[in-house]
PDB file of N, CA and C in Angstrom:
ATOM      1  N   UNK A   1      46.760 -10.141-104.880  1.00  0.00           N
ATOM      2  CA  UNK A   1      46.062 -10.588-103.695  1.00  0.00           C
ATOM      3  C   UNK A   1      44.779  -9.749-103.560  1.00  0.00           C
ATOM      4  N   UNK A   2      43.679 -10.387-103.249  1.00  0.00           N
ATOM      5  CA  UNK A   2      42.395  -9.704-103.080  1.00  0.00           C
ATOM      6  C   UNK A   2      42.057  -9.605-101.603  1.00  0.00           C
ATOM      7  N   UNK A   3      41.465  -8.495-101.226  1.00  0.00           N
ATOM      8  CA  UNK A   3      40.973  -8.274 -99.864  1.00  0.00           C
ATOM      9  C   UNK A   3      39.525  -7.820 -99.991  1.00  0.00           C
ATOM     10  N   UNK A   4      38.592  -8.651 -99.526  1.00  0.00           N
ATOM     11  CA  UNK A   4      37.175  -8.358 -99.667  1.00  0.00           C
ATOM     12  C   UNK A   4      36.610  -7.779 -98.377  1.00  0.00           C
ATOM     13  N   UNK A   5      35.834  -6.722 -98.517  1.00  0.00           N
ATOM     14  CA  UNK A   5      35.261  -6.023 -97.365  1.00  0.00           C
ATOM     15  C   UNK A   5      34.583  -6.980 -96.393  1.00  0.00           C
ATOM     16  N   UNK A   6      33.854  -7.966 -96.913  1.00  0.00           N
ATOM     17  CA  UNK A   6      33.107  -8.888 -96.051  1.00  0.00           C
ATOM     18  C   UNK A   6      34.022  -9.720 -95.150  1.00  0.00           C
ATOM     19  N   UNK A   7      35.301  -9.840 -95.525  1.00  0.00           N
ATOM     20  CA  UNK A   7      36.249 -10.652 -94.754  1.00  0.00           C
ATOM     21  C   UNK A   7      37.116  -9.836 -93.795  1.00  0.00           C
ATOM     22  N   UNK A   8      37.053  -8.522 -93.898  1.00  0.00           N
ATOM     23  CA  UNK A   8      37.915  -7.660 -93.091  1.00  0.00           C
ATOM     24  C   UNK A   8      37.299  -7.417 -91.723  1.00  0.00           C
ATOM     25  N   UNK A   9      38.123  -7.499 -90.699  1.00  0.00           N
ATOM     26  CA  UNK A   9      37.655  -7.340 -89.320  1.00  0.00           C
ATOM     27  C   UNK A   9      38.226  -6.060 -88.724  1.00  0.00           C
ATOM     28  N   UNK A  10      37.356  -5.104 -88.357  1.00  0.00           N
ATOM     29  CA  UNK A  10      37.867  -3.897 -87.703  1.00  0.00           C
ATOM     30  C   UNK A  10      38.370  -4.213 -86.295  1.00  0.00           C
ATOM     31  N   UNK A  11      39.381  -3.468 -85.879  1.00  0.00           N
ATOM     32  CA  UNK A  11      39.918  -3.579 -84.533  1.00  0.00           C
ATOM     33  C   UNK A  11      39.484  -2.338 -83.762  1.00  0.00           C
ATOM     34  N   UNK A  12      38.701  -2.512 -82.704  1.00  0.00           N
ATOM     35  CA  UNK A  12      38.259  -1.390 -81.869  1.00  0.00           C
ATOM     36  C   UNK A  12      39.443  -0.971 -81.011  1.00  0.00           C
ATOM     37  N   UNK A  13      39.922   0.256 -81.188  1.00  0.00           N
ATOM     38  CA  UNK A  13      41.092   0.747 -80.457  1.00  0.00           C
ATOM     39  C   UNK A  13      40.706   1.370 -79.124  1.00  0.00           C
ATOM     40  N   UNK A  14      39.582   2.055 -79.102  1.00  0.00           N
ATOM     41  CA  UNK A  14      38.988   2.613 -77.885  1.00  0.00           C
ATOM     42  C   UNK A  14      37.529   2.918 -78.207  1.00  0.00           C
ATOM     43  N   UNK A  15      36.813   3.568 -77.309  1.00  0.00           N
ATOM     44  CA  UNK A  15      35.377   3.766 -77.531  1.00  0.00           C
ATOM     45  C   UNK A  15      35.065   4.691 -78.704  1.00  0.00           C
ATOM     46  N   UNK A  16      36.067   5.465 -79.194  1.00  0.00           N
ATOM     47  CA  UNK A  16      35.811   6.405 -80.288  1.00  0.00           C
ATOM     48  C   UNK A  16      36.640   6.146 -81.542  1.00  0.00           C
ATOM     49  N   UNK A  17      37.379   5.041 -81.582  1.00  0.00           N
ATOM     50  CA  UNK A  17      38.184   4.805 -82.783  1.00  0.00           C
ATOM     51  C   UNK A  17      38.349   3.316 -83.081  1.00  0.00           C
ATOM     52  N   UNK A  18      38.415   3.030 -84.387  1.00  0.00           N
ATOM     53  CA  UNK A  18      38.678   1.660 -84.836  1.00  0.00           C
ATOM     54  C   UNK A  18      39.476   1.719 -86.134  1.00  0.00           C
ATOM     55  N   UNK A  19      40.203   0.626 -86.389  1.00  0.00           N
ATOM     56  CA  UNK A  19      41.053   0.531 -87.567  1.00  0.00           C
ATOM     57  C   UNK A  19      40.756  -0.778 -88.289  1.00  0.00           C
ATOM     58  N   UNK A  20      40.713  -0.699 -89.619  1.00  0.00           N
ATOM     59  CA  UNK A  20      40.564  -1.882 -90.455  1.00  0.00           C
ATOM     60  C   UNK A  20      41.717  -1.912 -91.446  1.00  0.00           C
ATOM     61  N   UNK A  21      42.489  -2.994 -91.439  1.00  0.00           N
ATOM     62  CA  UNK A  21      43.528  -3.149 -92.459  1.00  0.00           C
ATOM     63  C   UNK A  21      42.817  -3.526 -93.752  1.00  0.00           C
ATOM     64  N   UNK A  22      42.993  -2.702 -94.766  1.00  0.00           N
ATOM     65  CA  UNK A  22      42.291  -2.895 -96.039  1.00  0.00           C
ATOM     66  C   UNK A  22      43.078  -3.783 -96.994  1.00  0.00           C
ATOM     67  N   UNK A  23      44.409  -3.658 -97.007  1.00  0.00           N
ATOM     68  CA  UNK A  23      45.264  -4.480 -97.872  1.00  0.00           C
ATOM     69  C   UNK A  23      46.704  -4.323 -97.416  1.00  0.00           C
ATOM     70  N   UNK A  24      47.518  -5.355 -97.658  1.00  0.00           N
ATOM     71  CA  UNK A  24      48.941  -5.272 -97.352  1.00  0.00           C
ATOM     72  C   UNK A  24      49.700  -6.320 -98.138  1.00  0.00           C
ATOM     73  N   UNK A  25      50.944  -5.999 -98.426  1.00  0.00           N
ATOM     74  CA  UNK A  25      51.824  -6.908 -99.148  1.00  0.00           C
ATOM     75  C   UNK A  25      53.038  -6.146 -99.626  1.00  0.00           C
ATOM     76  N   UNK A  26      54.122  -6.877 -99.873  1.00  0.00           N
ATOM     77  CA  UNK A  26      55.345  -6.205-100.301  1.00  0.00           C
ATOM     78  C   UNK A  26      55.754  -5.165 -99.281  1.00  0.00           C
ATOM     79  N   UNK A  27      55.908  -3.935 -99.721  1.00  0.00           N
ATOM     80  CA  UNK A  27      56.311  -2.867 -98.804  1.00  0.00           C
ATOM     81  C   UNK A  27      55.190  -1.871 -98.525  1.00  0.00           C
ATOM     82  N   UNK A  28      53.949  -2.226 -98.879  1.00  0.00           N
ATOM     83  CA  UNK A  28      52.827  -1.301 -98.706  1.00  0.00           C
ATOM     84  C   UNK A  28      51.738  -1.859 -97.803  1.00  0.00           C
ATOM     85  N   UNK A  29      51.027  -0.958 -97.156  1.00  0.00           N
ATOM     86  CA  UNK A  29      49.853  -1.311 -96.357  1.00  0.00           C
ATOM     87  C   UNK A  29      48.848  -0.174 -96.449  1.00  0.00           C
ATOM     88  N   UNK A  30      47.572  -0.530 -96.529  1.00  0.00           N
ATOM     89  CA  UNK A  30      46.485   0.450 -96.471  1.00  0.00           C
ATOM     90  C   UNK A  30      45.579   0.075 -95.310  1.00  0.00           C
ATOM     91  N   UNK A  31      45.244   1.066 -94.498  1.00  0.00           N
ATOM     92  CA  UNK A  31      44.290   0.843 -93.415  1.00  0.00           C
ATOM     93  C   UNK A  31      43.305   1.999 -93.393  1.00  0.00           C
ATOM     94  N   UNK A  32      42.139   1.730 -92.834  1.00  0.00           N
ATOM     95  CA  UNK A  32      41.094   2.740 -92.741  1.00  0.00           C
ATOM     96  C   UNK A  32      40.850   3.020 -91.269  1.00  0.00           C
ATOM     97  N   UNK A  33      40.911   4.300 -90.904  1.00  0.00           N
ATOM     98  CA  UNK A  33      40.656   4.728 -89.527  1.00  0.00           C
ATOM     99  C   UNK A  33      39.289   5.390 -89.448  1.00  0.00           C
ATOM    100  N   UNK A  34      38.537   5.008 -88.417  1.00  0.00           N
ATOM    101  CA  UNK A  34      37.238   5.618 -88.137  1.00  0.00           C
ATOM    102  C   UNK A  34      37.300   6.227 -86.740  1.00  0.00           C
ATOM    103  N   UNK A  35      36.901   7.485 -86.632  1.00  0.00           N
ATOM    104  CA  UNK A  35      36.805   8.157 -85.344  1.00  0.00           C
ATOM    105  C   UNK A  35      35.399   8.712 -85.183  1.00  0.00           C
ATOM    106  N   UNK A  36      34.823   8.555 -84.021  1.00  0.00           N
ATOM    107  CA  UNK A  36      33.612   9.298 -83.669  1.00  0.00           C
ATOM    108  C   UNK A  36      34.040  10.726 -83.363  1.00  0.00           C
ATOM    109  N   UNK A  37      33.095  11.668 -83.387  1.00  0.00           N
ATOM    110  CA  UNK A  37      33.415  13.051 -83.027  1.00  0.00           C
ATOM    111  C   UNK A  37      34.084  13.055 -81.659  1.00  0.00           C
ATOM    112  N   UNK A  38      35.172  13.785 -81.552  1.00  0.00           N
ATOM    113  CA  UNK A  38      35.922  13.851 -80.297  1.00  0.00           C
ATOM    114  C   UNK A  38      36.984  12.780 -80.166  1.00  0.00           C
ATOM    115  N   UNK A  39      37.018  11.828 -81.079  1.00  0.00           N
ATOM    116  CA  UNK A  39      38.040  10.774 -81.035  1.00  0.00           C
ATOM    117  C   UNK A  39      39.427  11.346 -81.261  1.00  0.00           C
ATOM    118  N   UNK A  40      40.412  10.725 -80.622  1.00  0.00           N
ATOM    119  CA  UNK A  40      41.777  11.236 -80.663  1.00  0.00           C
ATOM    120  C   UNK A  40      42.747  10.151 -81.120  1.00  0.00           C
ATOM    121  N   UNK A  41      43.565  10.494 -82.066  1.00  0.00           N
ATOM    122  CA  UNK A  41      44.743   9.706 -82.411  1.00  0.00           C
ATOM    123  C   UNK A  41      45.908  10.450 -81.777  1.00  0.00           C
ATOM    124  N   UNK A  42      46.387   9.975 -80.644  1.00  0.00           N
ATOM    125  CA  UNK A  42      47.395  10.687 -79.854  1.00  0.00           C
ATOM    126  C   UNK A  42      48.653  10.985 -80.674  1.00  0.00           C
ATOM    127  N   UNK A  43      49.344  12.045 -80.310  1.00  0.00           N
ATOM    128  CA  UNK A  43      50.602  12.387 -80.964  1.00  0.00           C
ATOM    129  C   UNK A  43      51.567  11.210 -80.867  1.00  0.00           C
ATOM    130  N   UNK A  44      52.180  10.867 -81.986  1.00  0.00           N
ATOM    131  CA  UNK A  44      53.114   9.749 -82.046  1.00  0.00           C
ATOM    132  C   UNK A  44      53.994   9.908 -83.281  1.00  0.00           C
ATOM    133  N   UNK A  45      54.984   9.060 -83.399  1.00  0.00           N
ATOM    134  CA  UNK A  45      55.802   9.004 -84.609  1.00  0.00           C
ATOM    135  C   UNK A  45      56.171   7.545 -84.847  1.00  0.00           C
ATOM    136  N   UNK A  46      56.605   7.251 -86.058  1.00  0.00           N
ATOM    137  CA  UNK A  46      57.027   5.901 -86.427  1.00  0.00           C
ATOM    138  C   UNK A  46      57.979   6.019 -87.611  1.00  0.00           C
ATOM    139  N   UNK A  47      58.750   4.967 -87.887  1.00  0.00           N
ATOM    140  CA  UNK A  47      59.755   5.040 -88.963  1.00  0.00           C
ATOM    141  C   UNK A  47      59.183   4.863 -90.372  1.00  0.00           C
ATOM    142  N   UNK A  48      57.871   4.747 -90.496  1.00  0.00           N
ATOM    143  CA  UNK A  48      57.229   4.520 -91.796  1.00  0.00           C
ATOM    144  C   UNK A  48      56.875   5.844 -92.462  1.00  0.00           C
ATOM    145  N   UNK A  49      56.893   5.860 -93.789  1.00  0.00           N
ATOM    146  CA  UNK A  49      56.268   6.952 -94.528  1.00  0.00           C
ATOM    147  C   UNK A  49      54.775   6.699 -94.486  1.00  0.00           C
ATOM    148  N   UNK A  50      53.983   7.775 -94.496  1.00  0.00           N
ATOM    149  CA  UNK A  50      52.532   7.619 -94.439  1.00  0.00           C
ATOM    150  C   UNK A  50      51.870   8.699 -95.278  1.00  0.00           C
ATOM    151  N   UNK A  51      50.805   8.297 -95.959  1.00  0.00           N
ATOM    152  CA  UNK A  51      49.903   9.252 -96.604  1.00  0.00           C
ATOM    153  C   UNK A  51      48.540   9.052 -95.981  1.00  0.00           C
ATOM    154  N   UNK A  52      47.893  10.146 -95.617  1.00  0.00           N
ATOM    155  CA  UNK A  52      46.533  10.134 -95.082  1.00  0.00           C
ATOM    156  C   UNK A  52      45.638  10.782 -96.128  1.00  0.00           C
ATOM    157  N   UNK A  53      44.556  10.098 -96.497  1.00  0.00           N
ATOM    158  CA  UNK A  53      43.559  10.656 -97.414  1.00  0.00           C
ATOM    159  C   UNK A  53      42.227  10.660 -96.682  1.00  0.00           C
ATOM    160  N   UNK A  54      41.631  11.838 -96.541  1.00  0.00           N
ATOM    161  CA  UNK A  54      40.385  11.978 -95.787  1.00  0.00           C
ATOM    162  C   UNK A  54      39.198  11.545 -96.650  1.00  0.00           C
ATOM    163  N   UNK A  55      38.484  10.526 -96.167  1.00  0.00           N
ATOM    164  CA  UNK A  55      37.324   9.987 -96.874  1.00  0.00           C
ATOM    165  C   UNK A  55      36.035  10.696 -96.492  1.00  0.00           C
ATOM    166  N   UNK A  56      35.918  11.077 -95.215  1.00  0.00           N
ATOM    167  CA  UNK A  56      34.740  11.835 -94.772  1.00  0.00           C
ATOM    168  C   UNK A  56      35.008  12.502 -93.435  1.00  0.00           C
ATOM    169  N   UNK A  57      34.266  13.574 -93.180  1.00  0.00           N
ATOM    170  CA  UNK A  57      34.354  14.279 -91.909  1.00  0.00           C
ATOM    171  C   UNK A  57      35.428  15.352 -91.873  1.00  0.00           C
ATOM    172  N   UNK A  58      35.601  15.907 -90.657  1.00  0.00           N
ATOM    173  CA  UNK A  58      36.591  16.960 -90.428  1.00  0.00           C
ATOM    174  C   UNK A  58      37.357  16.660 -89.151  1.00  0.00           C
ATOM    175  N   UNK A  59      38.607  17.123 -89.126  1.00  0.00           N
ATOM    176  CA  UNK A  59      39.459  16.895 -87.962  1.00  0.00           C
ATOM    177  C   UNK A  59      40.516  17.989 -87.876  1.00  0.00           C
ATOM    178  N   UNK A  60      41.119  18.106 -86.704  1.00  0.00           N
ATOM    179  CA  UNK A  60      42.307  18.935 -86.500  1.00  0.00           C
ATOM    180  C   UNK A  60      43.483  17.970 -86.549  1.00  0.00           C
ATOM    181  N   UNK A  61      44.412  18.199 -87.479  1.00  0.00           N
ATOM    182  CA  UNK A  61      45.542  17.294 -87.646  1.00  0.00           C
ATOM    183  C   UNK A  61      46.820  18.048 -87.329  1.00  0.00           C
ATOM    184  N   UNK A  62      47.638  17.463 -86.465  1.00  0.00           N
ATOM    185  CA  UNK A  62      48.930  18.043 -86.121  1.00  0.00           C
ATOM    186  C   UNK A  62      50.018  17.272 -86.855  1.00  0.00           C
ATOM    187  N   UNK A  63      50.878  18.005 -87.538  1.00  0.00           N
ATOM    188  CA  UNK A  63      52.008  17.447 -88.276  1.00  0.00           C
ATOM    189  C   UNK A  63      53.227  18.270 -87.883  1.00  0.00           C
ATOM    190  N   UNK A  64      54.109  17.668 -87.085  1.00  0.00           N
ATOM    191  CA  UNK A  64      55.247  18.420 -86.569  1.00  0.00           C
ATOM    192  C   UNK A  64      54.748  19.528 -85.659  1.00  0.00           C
ATOM    193  N   UNK A  65      55.096  20.765 -85.969  1.00  0.00           N
ATOM    194  CA  UNK A  65      54.693  21.921 -85.156  1.00  0.00           C
ATOM    195  C   UNK A  65      53.474  22.654 -85.707  1.00  0.00           C
ATOM    196  N   UNK A  66      52.811  22.077 -86.710  1.00  0.00           N
ATOM    197  CA  UNK A  66      51.686  22.745 -87.367  1.00  0.00           C
ATOM    198  C   UNK A  66      50.401  21.943 -87.185  1.00  0.00           C
ATOM    199  N   UNK A  67      49.314  22.638 -86.843  1.00  0.00           N
ATOM    200  CA  UNK A  67      47.998  22.015 -86.739  1.00  0.00           C
ATOM    201  C   UNK A  67      47.066  22.702 -87.721  1.00  0.00           C
ATOM    202  N   UNK A  68      46.384  21.882 -88.542  1.00  0.00           N
ATOM    203  CA  UNK A  68      45.469  22.411 -89.552  1.00  0.00           C
ATOM    204  C   UNK A  68      44.174  21.627 -89.517  1.00  0.00           C
ATOM    205  N   UNK A  69      43.106  22.289 -89.931  1.00  0.00           N
ATOM    206  CA  UNK A  69      41.801  21.628 -90.073  1.00  0.00           C
ATOM    207  C   UNK A  69      41.800  20.924 -91.429  1.00  0.00           C
ATOM    208  N   UNK A  70      41.417  19.635 -91.429  1.00  0.00           N
ATOM    209  CA  UNK A  70      41.365  18.862 -92.673  1.00  0.00           C
ATOM    210  C   UNK A  70      39.946  18.341 -92.870  1.00  0.00           C
ATOM    211  N   UNK A  71      39.601  18.079 -94.129  1.00  0.00           N
ATOM    212  CA  UNK A  71      38.246  17.632 -94.471  1.00  0.00           C
ATOM    213  C   UNK A  71      38.297  16.710 -95.688  1.00  0.00           C
ATOM    214  N   UNK A  72      37.154  16.148 -96.017  1.00  0.00           N
ATOM    215  CA  UNK A  72      37.014  15.206 -97.131  1.00  0.00           C
ATOM    216  C   UNK A  72      37.780  15.686 -98.364  1.00  0.00           C
ATOM    217  N   UNK A  73      38.590  14.772 -98.917  1.00  0.00           N
ATOM    218  CA  UNK A  73      39.363  15.068-100.116  1.00  0.00           C
ATOM    219  C   UNK A  73      40.767  15.575 -99.852  1.00  0.00           C
ATOM    220  N   UNK A  74      41.065  15.981 -98.611  1.00  0.00           N
ATOM    221  CA  UNK A  74      42.396  16.468 -98.279  1.00  0.00           C
ATOM    222  C   UNK A  74      43.351  15.297 -98.066  1.00  0.00           C
ATOM    223  N   UNK A  75      44.639  15.559 -98.301  1.00  0.00           N
ATOM    224  CA  UNK A  75      45.678  14.544 -98.120  1.00  0.00           C
ATOM    225  C   UNK A  75      46.840  15.126 -97.332  1.00  0.00           C
ATOM    226  N   UNK A  76      47.571  14.236 -96.665  1.00  0.00           N
ATOM    227  CA  UNK A  76      48.744  14.632 -95.878  1.00  0.00           C
ATOM    228  C   UNK A  76      49.843  13.618 -96.153  1.00  0.00           C
ATOM    229  N   UNK A  77      51.059  14.101 -96.368  1.00  0.00           N
ATOM    230  CA  UNK A  77      52.228  13.226 -96.430  1.00  0.00           C
ATOM    231  C   UNK A  77      52.968  13.377 -95.107  1.00  0.00           C
ATOM    232  N   UNK A  78      53.308  12.238 -94.485  1.00  0.00           N
ATOM    233  CA  UNK A  78      54.032  12.239 -93.214  1.00  0.00           C
ATOM    234  C   UNK A  78      55.357  11.519 -93.443  1.00  0.00           C
ATOM    235  N   UNK A  79      56.442  12.248 -93.303  1.00  0.00           N
ATOM    236  CA  UNK A  79      57.774  11.661 -93.453  1.00  0.00           C
ATOM    237  C   UNK A  79      58.082  10.785 -92.236  1.00  0.00           C
ATOM    238  N   UNK A  80      59.023   9.855 -92.372  1.00  0.00           N
ATOM    239  CA  UNK A  80      59.389   9.012 -91.234  1.00  0.00           C
ATOM    240  C   UNK A  80      59.790   9.837 -90.006  1.00  0.00           C
ATOM    241  N   UNK A  81      59.365   9.374 -88.851  1.00  0.00           N
ATOM    242  CA  UNK A  81      59.744   9.928 -87.550  1.00  0.00           C
ATOM    243  C   UNK A  81      59.203  11.332 -87.253  1.00  0.00           C
ATOM    244  N   UNK A  82      58.270  11.832 -88.056  1.00  0.00           N
ATOM    245  CA  UNK A  82      57.646  13.133 -87.779  1.00  0.00           C
ATOM    246  C   UNK A  82      56.465  12.905 -86.837  1.00  0.00           C
ATOM    247  N   UNK A  83      56.400  13.672 -85.760  1.00  0.00           N
ATOM    248  CA  UNK A  83      55.313  13.559 -84.788  1.00  0.00           C
ATOM    249  C   UNK A  83      54.019  14.049 -85.432  1.00  0.00           C
ATOM    250  N   UNK A  84      52.933  13.283 -85.230  1.00  0.00           N
ATOM    251  CA  UNK A  84      51.640  13.650 -85.800  1.00  0.00           C
ATOM    252  C   UNK A  84      50.516  13.060 -84.951  1.00  0.00           C
ATOM    253  N   UNK A  85      49.328  13.627 -85.098  1.00  0.00           N
ATOM    254  CA  UNK A  85      48.154  13.150 -84.380  1.00  0.00           C
ATOM    255  C   UNK A  85      46.920  13.853 -84.896  1.00  0.00           C
ATOM    256  N   UNK A  86      45.763  13.380 -84.449  1.00  0.00           N
ATOM    257  CA  UNK A  86      44.494  13.887 -84.974  1.00  0.00           C
ATOM    258  C   UNK A  86      43.449  13.948 -83.872  1.00  0.00           C
ATOM    259  N   UNK A  87      42.555  14.935 -83.980  1.00  0.00           N
ATOM    260  CA  UNK A  87      41.372  15.028 -83.126  1.00  0.00           C
ATOM    261  C   UNK A  87      40.174  15.214 -84.056  1.00  0.00           C
ATOM    262  N   UNK A  88      39.236  14.279 -84.019  1.00  0.00           N
ATOM    263  CA  UNK A  88      38.068  14.337 -84.897  1.00  0.00           C
ATOM    264  C   UNK A  88      37.098  15.418 -84.423  1.00  0.00           C
ATOM    265  N   UNK A  89      36.716  16.293 -85.319  1.00  0.00           N
ATOM    266  CA  UNK A  89      35.720  17.328 -85.028  1.00  0.00           C
ATOM    267  C   UNK A  89      34.328  16.748 -85.239  1.00  0.00           C
ATOM    268  N   UNK A  90      34.180  15.980 -86.319  1.00  0.00           N
ATOM    269  CA  UNK A  90      32.933  15.280 -86.635  1.00  0.00           C
ATOM    270  C   UNK A  90      33.286  13.796 -86.743  1.00  0.00           C
ATOM    271  N   UNK A  91      32.318  12.954 -87.039  1.00  0.00           N
ATOM    272  CA  UNK A  91      32.661  11.579 -87.401  1.00  0.00           C
ATOM    273  C   UNK A  91      33.660  11.690 -88.550  1.00  0.00           C
ATOM    274  N   UNK A  92      34.745  10.927 -88.469  1.00  0.00           N
ATOM    275  CA  UNK A  92      35.881  11.120 -89.361  1.00  0.00           C
ATOM    276  C   UNK A  92      36.398   9.772 -89.839  1.00  0.00           C
ATOM    277  N   UNK A  93      36.654   9.680 -91.146  1.00  0.00           N
ATOM    278  CA  UNK A  93      37.198   8.444 -91.715  1.00  0.00           C
ATOM    279  C   UNK A  93      38.326   8.812 -92.670  1.00  0.00           C
ATOM    280  N   UNK A  94      39.456   8.090 -92.539  1.00  0.00           N
ATOM    281  CA  UNK A  94      40.609   8.355 -93.400  1.00  0.00           C
ATOM    282  C   UNK A  94      41.253   7.058 -93.838  1.00  0.00           C
ATOM    283  N   UNK A  95      41.816   7.077 -95.029  1.00  0.00           N
ATOM    284  CA  UNK A  95      42.598   5.972 -95.540  1.00  0.00           C
ATOM    285  C   UNK A  95      44.059   6.294 -95.283  1.00  0.00           C
ATOM    286  N   UNK A  96      44.765   5.391 -94.597  1.00  0.00           N
ATOM    287  CA  UNK A  96      46.191   5.548 -94.304  1.00  0.00           C
ATOM    288  C   UNK A  96      46.982   4.566 -95.158  1.00  0.00           C
ATOM    289  N   UNK A  97      47.986   5.079 -95.852  1.00  0.00           N
ATOM    290  CA  UNK A  97      48.877   4.246 -96.654  1.00  0.00           C
ATOM    291  C   UNK A  97      50.258   4.313 -96.004  1.00  0.00           C
ATOM    292  N   UNK A  98      50.855   3.160 -95.748  1.00  0.00           N
ATOM    293  CA  UNK A  98      52.157   3.090 -95.093  1.00  0.00           C
ATOM    294  C   UNK A  98      53.170   2.368 -95.974  1.00  0.00           C
ATOM    295  N   UNK A  99      54.421   2.814 -95.886  1.00  0.00           N
ATOM    296  CA  UNK A  99      55.548   2.094 -96.468  1.00  0.00           C
ATOM    297  C   UNK A  99      56.734   2.258 -95.531  1.00  0.00           C
ATOM    298  N   UNK A 100      57.366   1.186 -95.107  1.00  0.00           N
ATOM    299  CA  UNK A 100      56.953  -0.191 -95.300  1.00  0.00           C
ATOM    300  C   UNK A 100      55.694  -0.499 -94.491  1.00  0.00           C
ATOM    301  N   UNK A 101      55.243  -1.738 -94.578  1.00  0.00           N
ATOM    302  CA  UNK A 101      54.063  -2.171 -93.823  1.00  0.00           C
ATOM    303  C   UNK A 101      54.257  -1.934 -92.321  1.00  0.00           C
ATOM    304  N   UNK A 102      53.155  -1.698 -91.635  1.00  0.00           N
ATOM    305  CA  UNK A 102      53.169  -1.599 -90.172  1.00  0.00           C
ATOM    306  C   UNK A 102      53.055  -3.009 -89.612  1.00  0.00           C
ATOM    307  N   UNK A 103      54.181  -3.642 -89.388  1.00  0.00           N
ATOM    308  CA  UNK A 103      54.179  -5.011 -88.852  1.00  0.00           C
ATOM    309  C   UNK A 103      53.452  -5.071 -87.510  1.00  0.00           C
ATOM    310  N   UNK A 104      53.527  -3.977 -86.731  1.00  0.00           N
ATOM    311  CA  UNK A 104      52.833  -3.944 -85.438  1.00  0.00           C
ATOM    312  C   UNK A 104      51.319  -4.039 -85.617  1.00  0.00           C
ATOM    313  N   UNK A 105      50.781  -3.588 -86.743  1.00  0.00           N
ATOM    314  CA  UNK A 105      49.340  -3.703 -87.008  1.00  0.00           C
ATOM    315  C   UNK A 105      48.941  -5.132 -87.357  1.00  0.00           C
ATOM    316  N   UNK A 106      49.873  -5.925 -87.854  1.00  0.00           N
ATOM    317  CA  UNK A 106      49.567  -7.291 -88.293  1.00  0.00           C
ATOM    318  C   UNK A 106      49.629  -8.317 -87.170  1.00  0.00           C
ATOM    319  N   UNK A 107      50.151  -7.943 -86.022  1.00  0.00           N
ATOM    320  CA  UNK A 107      50.246  -8.880 -84.892  1.00  0.00           C
ATOM    321  C   UNK A 107      48.927  -9.023 -84.199  1.00  0.00           C
TER     322      UNK A 107
END
C-alpha cells in the first residue's frame, strides 16, 4: 500500500501540535507529530507498543518516572501501558511507530 505526502491530511490537535498518519496496515502504524516550541503531549498511556524517532528539534520527554532531554536522531521505546509525555523545547517533529495500530487515530 502506498501513502503519498500530497494526499495526507494533518490533524490539528491544538494550537501547538498536529499529527499526520503516514502509513498503516496489518499491525503497524506510523504517524508524524509536530509541536511548536512549548507544545505539550500530556502524560498518558495506552496498550500499544511505541517507538519514537526524533526527526528535528529538542524536547523534554517523560517515560515512566524518568525525564530526559531528547534531540534529532534519538529514539525511545515505550512498552505498553507505560506513562509518557513530551514538552517541546524548540519546534519539534517525531515519527511515532505503533503496534498494534492506533484505531482511535483512524476514527
